[in-house]
Amino acid sequence: MIFDGHNDLLTRLWLSSADDPVHDFIYGTLPGHLDLKRCQQAGWMGGLFSIFLPPYAYVKNNHPDKLSNPSNSDFTPQEIVDSCCAQLKLAQQLQARSDGQIQICTSVAQIQVCQQKQQLAIVLHLEGAEFLAIEPDLLDVFYEAGLRSIGPLWNRKSLFGDGLNASFPHSPDTGSGLTCEGKELILACRDKHMLIDVSHMNERAFWDTLEIVDQPVVATHSNAHALCPQARNLTDQQLAGIKQSGGLVGVNFDVAFLRADGQRDTQTSLDVIVDHLAYLIDHLGEDQVGFGSDFDGCLLPDELSDISQISKLIERMQQRHFSDALIEKITSKNWFRVLDEIWQ
């Protein structure tokens, strides 16, 4: 059974042109990396499901129906809020319409019950918190609805801090750290015992976060900068900081964050994913590494075209002499440990 640190299914459902993408996910075959049938067959029991606002240019060029006025140059404040609320409603519909096959979970005990019953466990995660700059009170609303994980920053600059956006190759040092508002947001989420995700933080914001939180710090979908010098990947110094916090790194399956040349080339061996897993284990230990696939939000290696092919990665890990006990830690137990400690 696999518990995964990051996917963008909810955003894909929001952007879908299908008449009823929720029905298609539960009962049909949904284009993309994930649908319920494939997840169940693969033993993919759930994970952190991201609520995320894609870049404006992408939405404008590919999904102009989501915009109130496609001739604008950026999202309106209302569009930012509405997109996140719509994705929350989609998660709620997945649960309500699945005949008990999908559950929104707020504790490790609930996730493990889903595992036993072969249900899909959704943990709601916010990737980029711009809408909370517009309507701060929505943090409480989303928390009550099940939100238990937040990445306060994405690639865009916001009220909470600079984004992380740089050409390849580049260090994670791409701008200023957290603003006062960013620190206040993180402290508010800490007080709610929410997971704090540093995957899209630049280096200064990363260290600001480690200074102000007293819980394990997690990078839900990041890789080793030493193997792939993308700004989004973590330096050895950052890995040491996460290790000291008792946190975790979820390995991202996107080829651009795996390959040493940073190319978006799907002819990338699964061995490269295993290389990152092995490197992170060397620097963090066996208890602080997991999967953070980025399914439905990334470009996958050809050998791992969707969730139905995840067994190939497990087999490659076995071929590389990962023990069964270590594979079980990476595929679920390490996530359960860190979430249980944060959500106490």
Protein backbone atom coordinates (compact mmCIF):
# COMPACT_ATOMS: atom_id res chain seq x y z
CA MET A 1 0.00 0.00 0.00
CA ILE A 2 1.32 3.43 -0.98
CA PHE A 3 0.71 6.79 0.68
CA ASP A 4 1.98 9.64 -1.51
CA GLY A 5 3.07 13.12 -0.46
CA HIS A 6 1.75 15.14 -3.40
CA ASN A 7 -0.66 15.08 -6.33
CA ASP A 8 -2.62 17.66 -8.33
CA LEU A 9 -5.79 15.68 -9.01
CA LEU A 10 -8.14 18.34 -7.59
CA THR A 11 -6.67 20.99 -9.86
CA ARG A 12 -7.02 18.68 -12.85
CA LEU A 13 -10.67 18.02 -11.96
CA TRP A 14 -11.25 21.77 -11.66
CA LEU A 15 -9.74 22.40 -15.08
CA SER A 16 -11.40 19.40 -16.74
CA SER A 17 -13.74 19.99 -19.68
CA ALA A 18 -15.62 16.74 -18.95
CA ASP A 19 -19.31 16.99 -18.11
CA ASP A 20 -18.79 15.26 -14.76
CA PRO A 21 -15.11 14.71 -13.92
CA VAL A 22 -15.93 13.55 -10.39
CA HIS A 23 -18.03 10.70 -11.80
CA ASP A 24 -15.31 9.91 -14.31
CA PHE A 25 -12.70 9.66 -11.56
CA ILE A 26 -14.83 7.39 -9.36
CA TYR A 27 -16.54 5.19 -11.91
CA GLY A 28 -14.79 5.68 -15.24
CA THR A 29 -11.39 6.22 -16.73
CA LEU A 30 -10.19 9.78 -16.26
CA PRO A 31 -7.44 11.06 -18.57
CA GLY A 32 -4.25 11.73 -16.66
CA HIS A 33 -2.25 9.86 -14.06
CA LEU A 34 -4.98 8.93 -11.57
CA ASP A 35 -8.49 7.55 -11.30
CA LEU A 36 -10.01 5.41 -8.56
CA LYS A 37 -9.87 2.09 -10.39
CA ARG A 38 -6.21 2.45 -11.32
CA CYS A 39 -5.35 3.65 -7.81
CA GLN A 40 -7.02 0.64 -6.19
CA GLN A 41 -5.42 -1.82 -8.60
CA ALA A 42 -1.98 -0.30 -7.92
CA GLY A 43 -2.34 -0.27 -4.13
CA TRP A 44 -2.09 3.54 -4.13
CA MET A 45 -4.16 4.29 -1.05
CA GLY A 46 -4.03 8.09 -1.16
CA GLY A 47 -1.94 10.96 0.06
CA LEU A 48 -1.79 14.74 0.12
CA PHE A 49 -4.18 16.17 -2.49
CA SER A 50 -3.20 19.68 -3.50
CA ILE A 51 -5.49 22.68 -3.90
CA PHE A 52 -3.52 24.81 -6.32
CA LEU A 53 -3.94 27.78 -8.67
CA PRO A 54 -1.89 27.23 -11.88
CA PRO A 55 -0.08 30.08 -13.65
CA TYR A 56 -2.42 32.63 -15.19
CA ALA A 57 -0.98 32.23 -18.69
CA TYR A 58 -1.64 28.48 -18.58
CA VAL A 59 -5.25 28.93 -17.54
CA LYS A 60 -5.81 31.74 -20.03
CA ASN A 61 -4.38 29.76 -22.94
CA ASN A 62 -5.89 26.38 -22.10
CA HIS A 63 -8.95 26.97 -19.92
CA PRO A 64 -10.29 30.49 -20.57
CA ASP A 65 -13.73 29.37 -19.39
CA LYS A 66 -12.34 29.51 -15.83
CA LEU A 67 -11.76 33.28 -16.14
CA SER A 68 -14.34 36.01 -15.80
CA ASN A 69 -12.54 38.08 -18.44
CA PRO A 70 -9.83 36.29 -20.47
CA SER A 71 -8.54 39.63 -21.75
CA ASN A 72 -7.14 40.46 -18.31
CA SER A 73 -3.44 40.11 -17.52
CA ASP A 74 -3.81 38.29 -14.21
CA PHE A 75 -6.32 36.60 -11.92
CA THR A 76 -8.79 38.82 -10.12
CA PRO A 77 -8.94 38.41 -6.33
CA GLN A 78 -12.32 36.75 -6.68
CA GLU A 79 -10.98 34.25 -9.22
CA ILE A 80 -8.18 33.30 -6.83
CA VAL A 81 -10.63 32.64 -4.01
CA ASP A 82 -13.19 30.91 -6.20
CA SER A 83 -10.63 28.50 -7.70
CA CYS A 84 -9.57 27.22 -4.29
CA CYS A 85 -13.11 26.97 -2.98
CA ALA A 86 -14.11 25.06 -6.13
CA GLN A 87 -11.31 22.53 -5.59
CA LEU A 88 -12.34 22.03 -1.97
CA LYS A 89 -15.89 21.32 -3.16
CA LEU A 90 -14.57 18.79 -5.66
CA ALA A 91 -12.81 16.93 -2.84
CA GLN A 92 -16.04 16.93 -0.87
CA GLN A 93 -17.91 15.60 -3.90
CA LEU A 94 -15.39 12.80 -4.33
CA GLN A 95 -16.15 11.69 -0.80
CA ALA A 96 -19.92 12.19 -0.98
CA ARG A 97 -20.45 10.44 -4.30
CA SER A 98 -18.05 7.49 -3.93
CA ASP A 99 -20.30 5.12 -1.95
CA GLY A 100 -17.77 5.08 0.85
CA GLN A 101 -14.77 4.39 -1.38
CA ILE A 102 -13.11 7.79 -0.76
CA GLN A 103 -12.64 9.55 2.58
CA ILE A 104 -11.21 12.94 3.57
CA CYS A 105 -8.89 12.17 6.49
CA THR A 106 -7.56 14.35 9.30
CA SER A 107 -5.65 11.74 11.33
CA VAL A 108 -3.29 8.86 10.71
CA ALA A 109 -5.81 6.54 12.37
CA GLN A 110 -8.38 7.47 9.72
CA ILE A 111 -5.84 6.91 6.93
CA GLN A 112 -5.00 3.48 8.30
CA VAL A 113 -8.69 2.56 8.46
CA CYS A 114 -8.91 3.52 4.79
CA GLN A 115 -5.92 1.29 4.12
CA GLN A 116 -7.60 -1.66 5.84
CA LYS A 117 -10.84 -1.11 3.92
CA GLN A 118 -9.04 -0.37 0.64
CA GLN A 119 -10.56 3.11 0.51
CA LEU A 120 -8.81 6.12 -0.98
CA ALA A 121 -7.58 8.54 1.71
CA ILE A 122 -7.58 12.24 0.82
CA VAL A 123 -5.53 14.60 2.99
CA LEU A 124 -6.22 18.16 1.88
CA HIS A 125 -3.12 20.25 1.14
CA LEU A 126 -2.88 23.90 0.08
CA GLU A 127 -0.11 24.64 -2.44
CA GLY A 128 0.36 28.40 -2.44
CA ALA A 129 -1.73 30.46 -0.03
CA GLU A 130 -2.55 33.54 -2.10
CA PHE A 131 -6.27 33.27 -1.46
CA LEU A 132 -5.63 33.59 2.30
CA ALA A 133 -4.09 37.01 1.63
CA ILE A 134 -7.49 38.00 0.23
CA GLU A 135 -9.74 36.27 2.77
CA PRO A 136 -7.70 35.26 5.83
CA ASP A 137 -10.74 33.85 7.64
CA LEU A 138 -10.92 31.07 5.05
CA LEU A 139 -8.05 29.31 6.84
CA ASP A 140 -10.47 28.37 9.62
CA VAL A 141 -13.16 27.41 7.10
CA PHE A 142 -10.79 25.14 5.18
CA TYR A 143 -9.39 23.67 8.39
CA GLU A 144 -12.88 22.73 9.52
CA ALA A 145 -13.37 21.09 6.10
CA GLY A 146 -10.27 18.96 6.64
CA LEU A 147 -7.23 21.00 5.50
CA ARG A 148 -4.23 19.67 7.43
CA SER A 149 -1.24 20.61 5.25
CA ILE A 150 -0.04 23.87 3.70
CA GLY A 151 2.72 25.09 1.42
CA PRO A 152 2.47 28.84 2.10
CA LEU A 153 4.46 29.80 -1.01
CA TRP A 154 4.50 28.78 -4.64
CA ASN A 155 6.57 30.15 -7.54
CA ARG A 156 4.72 33.48 -7.57
CA LYS A 157 5.56 36.39 -5.30
CA SER A 158 2.78 36.92 -2.76
CA LEU A 159 1.95 38.74 0.44
CA PHE A 160 3.68 35.91 2.31
CA GLY A 161 7.05 35.92 0.52
CA ASP A 162 8.98 35.75 -2.72
CA GLY A 163 8.34 32.88 -5.06
CA LEU A 164 10.89 30.33 -6.17
CA ASN A 165 11.41 30.72 -9.88
CA ALA A 166 14.78 30.47 -11.60
CA SER A 167 16.33 29.12 -14.78
CA PHE A 168 18.30 25.86 -14.70
CA PRO A 169 20.78 25.38 -13.15
CA HIS A 170 20.35 27.54 -10.06
CA SER A 171 20.71 27.43 -6.31
CA PRO A 172 17.59 27.72 -4.10
CA ASP A 173 18.72 31.24 -3.13
CA THR A 174 16.32 33.16 -5.37
CA GLY A 175 15.07 36.06 -3.26
CA SER A 176 13.98 37.36 0.09
CA GLY A 177 12.57 35.16 2.81
CA LEU A 178 9.22 35.19 4.54
CA THR A 179 7.43 38.47 5.06
CA CYS A 180 5.94 39.31 8.45
CA GLU A 181 2.60 38.10 7.11
CA GLY A 182 4.24 34.88 5.94
CA LYS A 183 5.65 34.20 9.37
CA GLU A 184 2.28 34.94 10.97
CA LEU A 185 0.57 32.51 8.60
CA ILE A 186 3.06 29.73 9.35
CA LEU A 187 2.70 30.28 13.09
CA ALA A 188 -1.10 30.16 12.77
CA CYS A 189 -0.84 26.86 10.88
CA ARG A 190 1.66 25.53 13.40
CA ASP A 191 -0.78 26.32 16.19
CA LYS A 192 -3.37 24.24 14.33
CA HIS A 193 -0.86 21.36 14.14
CA MET A 194 -0.82 21.49 10.35
CA LEU A 195 2.00 20.14 8.19
CA ILE A 196 4.22 22.95 6.87
CA ASP A 197 5.54 22.23 3.36
CA VAL A 198 8.77 23.92 2.23
CA SER A 199 8.85 22.45 -1.30
CA HIS A 200 8.29 25.78 -3.06
CA MET A 201 10.22 27.99 -0.66
CA ASN A 202 13.42 29.72 -1.65
CA GLU A 203 16.39 29.16 0.62
CA ARG A 204 15.86 32.21 2.82
CA ALA A 205 12.20 31.39 3.40
CA PHE A 206 13.21 27.79 4.13
CA TRP A 207 15.54 28.85 6.93
CA ASP A 208 13.03 31.41 8.21
CA THR A 209 10.54 28.57 8.55
CA LEU A 210 12.93 26.30 10.42
CA GLU A 211 13.66 29.13 12.85
CA ILE A 212 10.03 29.67 13.86
CA VAL A 213 8.48 26.19 13.93
CA ASP A 214 9.10 23.52 16.54
CA GLN A 215 7.78 20.54 14.61
CA PRO A 216 9.05 18.30 11.81
CA VAL A 217 9.47 20.26 8.57
CA VAL A 218 8.48 18.50 5.36
CA ALA A 219 9.28 18.96 1.68
CA THR A 220 6.35 17.07 0.16
CA HIS A 221 7.70 16.89 -3.41
CA SER A 222 11.37 17.86 -3.77
CA ASN A 223 14.61 16.14 -4.72
CA ALA A 224 18.35 16.38 -4.13
CA HIS A 225 20.00 19.51 -5.53
CA ALA A 226 23.35 17.69 -5.67
CA LEU A 227 21.90 15.31 -8.30
CA CYS A 228 19.71 17.82 -10.17
CA PRO A 229 20.56 21.51 -9.60
CA GLN A 230 17.03 22.86 -9.97
CA ALA A 231 16.29 25.74 -7.62
CA ARG A 232 13.33 23.71 -6.31
CA ASN A 233 15.58 20.90 -5.09
CA LEU A 234 17.21 20.77 -1.67
CA THR A 235 20.88 21.39 -0.89
CA ASP A 236 22.77 19.19 1.54
CA GLN A 237 22.53 22.00 4.12
CA GLN A 238 18.74 22.08 3.74
CA LEU A 239 18.58 18.30 4.04
CA ALA A 240 20.53 18.57 7.28
CA GLY A 241 18.00 21.08 8.57
CA ILE A 242 15.07 18.81 7.70
CA LYS A 243 16.83 15.85 9.32
CA GLN A 244 17.40 17.78 12.53
CA SER A 245 13.72 18.78 12.64
CA GLY A 246 12.66 15.14 12.35
CA GLY A 247 10.93 15.91 9.05
CA LEU A 248 10.66 14.16 5.71
CA VAL A 249 11.33 14.63 1.98
CA GLY A 250 8.96 13.16 -0.60
CA VAL A 251 10.71 12.36 -3.88
CA ASN A 252 9.19 14.12 -6.90
CA PHE A 253 8.79 11.97 -10.04
CA ASP A 254 8.92 14.91 -12.49
CA VAL A 255 11.80 14.31 -14.91
CA ALA A 256 12.92 17.96 -14.79
CA PHE A 257 13.58 17.63 -11.06
CA LEU A 258 15.30 14.27 -11.42
CA ARG A 259 17.72 14.58 -14.33
CA ALA A 260 21.22 16.01 -13.90
CA ASP A 261 20.65 18.10 -17.05
CA GLY A 262 17.22 19.36 -15.94
CA GLN A 263 15.67 18.44 -19.29
CA ARG A 264 11.98 17.66 -19.71
CA ASP A 265 12.82 14.34 -21.35
CA THR A 266 10.48 11.43 -20.65
CA GLN A 267 13.15 8.97 -21.76
CA THR A 268 14.45 8.99 -18.20
CA SER A 269 15.27 5.76 -16.40
CA LEU A 270 13.51 4.82 -13.18
CA ASP A 271 17.01 4.38 -11.80
CA VAL A 272 17.21 8.17 -11.56
CA ILE A 273 14.29 8.17 -9.10
CA VAL A 274 16.04 5.46 -7.11
CA ASP A 275 19.25 7.50 -7.20
CA HIS A 276 17.44 10.39 -5.49
CA LEU A 277 15.86 8.04 -2.96
CA ALA A 278 19.26 6.55 -2.14
CA TYR A 279 20.92 9.97 -1.87
CA LEU A 280 18.22 11.26 0.46
CA ILE A 281 18.42 8.13 2.61
CA ASP A 282 22.18 8.67 2.91
CA HIS A 283 21.60 12.23 4.16
CA LEU A 284 18.35 11.86 6.12
CA GLY A 285 18.21 8.23 7.19
CA GLU A 286 15.74 5.49 6.36
CA ASP A 287 12.92 7.03 8.43
CA GLN A 288 12.76 10.43 6.71
CA VAL A 289 12.22 9.72 3.00
CA GLY A 290 8.98 8.99 1.13
CA PHE A 291 7.21 9.41 -2.19
CA GLY A 292 5.97 12.85 -3.32
CA SER A 293 5.11 11.90 -6.88
CA ASP A 294 3.39 15.06 -8.17
CA PHE A 295 0.99 12.85 -10.15
CA ASP A 296 -1.31 14.90 -12.41
CA GLY A 297 1.04 17.86 -12.09
CA CYS A 298 4.27 16.60 -13.63
CA LEU A 299 5.98 15.05 -16.65
CA LEU A 300 6.70 11.42 -15.81
CA PRO A 301 9.32 9.01 -17.16
CA ASP A 302 7.93 6.82 -19.93
CA GLU A 303 8.34 3.71 -17.77
CA LEU A 304 6.08 5.31 -15.16
CA SER A 305 3.34 6.69 -17.38
CA ASP A 306 0.64 6.74 -14.68
CA ILE A 307 -0.22 5.20 -11.32
CA SER A 308 -0.84 1.78 -12.91
CA GLN A 309 2.93 1.49 -13.52
CA ILE A 310 4.06 2.22 -9.95
CA SER A 311 4.94 -1.45 -9.41
CA LYS A 312 7.82 -0.97 -11.88
CA LEU A 313 9.38 1.56 -9.53
CA ILE A 314 8.97 -0.79 -6.57
CA GLU A 315 10.61 -3.56 -8.60
CA ARG A 316 13.51 -1.27 -9.47
CA MET A 317 13.97 -0.45 -5.80
CA GLN A 318 14.11 -4.17 -5.05
CA GLN A 319 16.64 -4.68 -7.83
CA ARG A 320 18.74 -1.94 -6.23
CA HIS A 321 18.73 -3.93 -2.97
CA PHE A 322 16.18 -1.87 -1.04
CA SER A 323 14.85 -4.26 1.60
CA ASP A 324 11.14 -4.95 1.99
CA ALA A 325 11.20 -3.15 5.34
CA LEU A 326 12.80 -0.05 3.79
CA ILE A 327 10.34 -0.04 0.88
CA GLU A 328 7.44 -0.19 3.35
CA LYS A 329 8.87 2.81 5.18
CA ILE A 330 9.27 4.82 1.98
CA THR A 331 5.84 3.91 0.59
CA SER A 332 3.81 4.65 3.72
CA LYS A 333 5.27 4.23 7.20
CA ASN A 334 7.54 7.28 7.12
CA TRP A 335 4.63 9.48 6.10
CA PHE A 336 2.51 8.03 8.90
CA ARG A 337 5.25 8.73 11.43
CA VAL A 338 5.72 12.36 10.53
CA LEU A 339 2.02 13.13 10.11
CA ASP A 340 1.20 11.51 13.46
CA GLU A 341 3.84 13.62 15.17
CA ILE A 342 2.65 16.86 13.55
CA TRP A 343 -1.07 16.21 14.00
CA GLN A 344 -0.81 15.23 17.66
